[in-house]
Amino acid sequence: MNIEETARAVNELAWFKSSYSSGAGGECVEVASDATAVHIRDSKDLTRSALTVPASAWTAFLGFAIAETP
């Protein structure tokens, strides 16, 4: 798979934003997942590449983020 095929595959994913992203300014990230990875991108600039992490890393991040939320 080449870079263009990878970019096309990432763009065809079902992206979603947090329900908290409708606040002032609307700055947020979007996430999408596939069988092995989670893709994260800037919702304000879709021309930038998405960050892709293994699903296990995303799960660990969420566990930490939720534990730290007041």
C-alpha atoms as a PDB file:
ATOM      1  CA  MET A   1       0.000   0.000   0.000  1.00  0.00           C
ATOM      2  CA  ASN A   2       1.408   3.409  -0.905  1.00  0.00           C
ATOM      3  CA  ILE A   3       0.912   6.769   0.815  1.00  0.00           C
ATOM      4  CA  GLU A   4      -1.937   7.809  -1.510  1.00  0.00           C
ATOM      5  CA  GLU A   5      -3.815   4.551  -0.863  1.00  0.00           C
ATOM      6  CA  THR A   6      -3.282   4.970   2.888  1.00  0.00           C
ATOM      7  CA  ALA A   7      -4.563   8.564   2.828  1.00  0.00           C
ATOM      8  CA  ARG A   8      -7.616   7.513   0.817  1.00  0.00           C
ATOM      9  CA  ALA A   9      -8.386   4.689   3.262  1.00  0.00           C
ATOM     10  CA  VAL A  10      -8.115   7.051   6.251  1.00  0.00           C
ATOM     11  CA  ASN A  11     -10.387   9.617   4.569  1.00  0.00           C
ATOM     12  CA  GLU A  12     -13.038   6.933   3.975  1.00  0.00           C
ATOM     13  CA  LEU A  13     -13.322   6.059   7.683  1.00  0.00           C
ATOM     14  CA  ALA A  14     -16.343   7.087   9.756  1.00  0.00           C
ATOM     15  CA  TRP A  15     -15.026  10.108  11.692  1.00  0.00           C
ATOM     16  CA  PHE A  16     -16.705  11.534  14.769  1.00  0.00           C
ATOM     17  CA  LYS A  17     -16.200  14.411  17.211  1.00  0.00           C
ATOM     18  CA  SER A  18     -16.771  14.600  20.921  1.00  0.00           C
ATOM     19  CA  SER A  19     -20.165  15.885  22.034  1.00  0.00           C
ATOM     20  CA  TYR A  20     -18.185  18.593  23.856  1.00  0.00           C
ATOM     21  CA  SER A  21     -16.885  20.042  20.574  1.00  0.00           C
ATOM     22  CA  SER A  22     -19.904  22.275  19.964  1.00  0.00           C
ATOM     23  CA  GLY A  23     -18.716  24.880  22.479  1.00  0.00           C
ATOM     24  CA  ALA A  24     -17.164  28.265  21.793  1.00  0.00           C
ATOM     25  CA  GLY A  25     -14.789  28.092  18.841  1.00  0.00           C
ATOM     26  CA  GLY A  26     -15.526  24.453  18.060  1.00  0.00           C
ATOM     27  CA  GLU A  27     -11.869  23.425  18.326  1.00  0.00           C
ATOM     28  CA  CYS A  28     -11.704  19.700  18.520  1.00  0.00           C
ATOM     29  CA  VAL A  29     -10.240  16.572  17.121  1.00  0.00           C
ATOM     30  CA  GLU A  30     -12.021  13.831  15.248  1.00  0.00           C
ATOM     31  CA  VAL A  31     -11.375  10.139  15.700  1.00  0.00           C
ATOM     32  CA  ALA A  32     -12.076   7.074  13.613  1.00  0.00           C
ATOM     33  CA  SER A  33     -11.184   3.461  14.135  1.00  0.00           C
ATOM     34  CA  ASP A  34     -10.640   0.373  12.075  1.00  0.00           C
ATOM     35  CA  ALA A  35      -9.818  -3.201  13.035  1.00  0.00           C
ATOM     36  CA  THR A  36      -6.317  -2.464  14.339  1.00  0.00           C
ATOM     37  CA  ALA A  37      -5.874   1.274  14.879  1.00  0.00           C
ATOM     38  CA  VAL A  38      -7.405   4.552  15.953  1.00  0.00           C
ATOM     39  CA  HIS A  39      -6.897   7.591  13.740  1.00  0.00           C
ATOM     40  CA  ILE A  40      -6.940  11.125  15.181  1.00  0.00           C
ATOM     41  CA  ARG A  41      -7.091  14.328  13.133  1.00  0.00           C
ATOM     42  CA  ASP A  42      -7.591  18.067  13.550  1.00  0.00           C
ATOM     43  CA  SER A  43     -11.212  18.866  12.743  1.00  0.00           C
ATOM     44  CA  LYS A  44     -10.273  22.397  11.682  1.00  0.00           C
ATOM     45  CA  ASP A  45      -7.637  21.364   9.133  1.00  0.00           C
ATOM     46  CA  LEU A  46      -8.479  18.177   7.285  1.00  0.00           C
ATOM     47  CA  THR A  47      -5.551  18.689   4.901  1.00  0.00           C
ATOM     48  CA  ARG A  48      -3.121  17.549   7.607  1.00  0.00           C
ATOM     49  CA  SER A  49      -2.283  13.902   8.058  1.00  0.00           C
ATOM     50  CA  ALA A  50      -4.055  11.906  10.726  1.00  0.00           C
ATOM     51  CA  LEU A  51      -2.153  10.515  13.679  1.00  0.00           C
ATOM     52  CA  THR A  52      -2.563   6.736  13.788  1.00  0.00           C
ATOM     53  CA  VAL A  53      -2.007   4.710  16.960  1.00  0.00           C
ATOM     54  CA  PRO A  54      -2.609   1.068  17.834  1.00  0.00           C
ATOM     55  CA  ALA A  55      -6.024   0.443  19.385  1.00  0.00           C
ATOM     56  CA  SER A  56      -4.322  -0.712  22.610  1.00  0.00           C
ATOM     57  CA  ALA A  57      -2.501   2.636  22.927  1.00  0.00           C
ATOM     58  CA  TRP A  58      -5.765   4.565  22.478  1.00  0.00           C
ATOM     59  CA  THR A  59      -7.459   2.421  25.132  1.00  0.00           C
ATOM     60  CA  ALA A  60      -4.597   3.097  27.557  1.00  0.00           C
ATOM     61  CA  PHE A  61      -4.787   6.842  26.824  1.00  0.00           C
ATOM     62  CA  LEU A  62      -8.531   6.945  27.453  1.00  0.00           C
ATOM     63  CA  GLY A  63      -8.116   5.060  30.722  1.00  0.00           C
ATOM     64  CA  PHE A  64      -5.600   7.649  31.885  1.00  0.00           C
ATOM     65  CA  ALA A  65      -7.650  10.621  30.632  1.00  0.00           C
ATOM     66  CA  ILE A  66     -10.851   9.436  32.285  1.00  0.00           C
ATOM     67  CA  ALA A  67      -9.071   8.691  35.568  1.00  0.00           C
ATOM     68  CA  GLU A  68      -7.661  12.255  35.614  1.00  0.00           C
ATOM     69  CA  THR A  69     -10.956  14.010  34.820  1.00  0.00           C
ATOM     70  CA  PRO A  70     -12.322  15.871  37.862  1.00  0.00           C
END
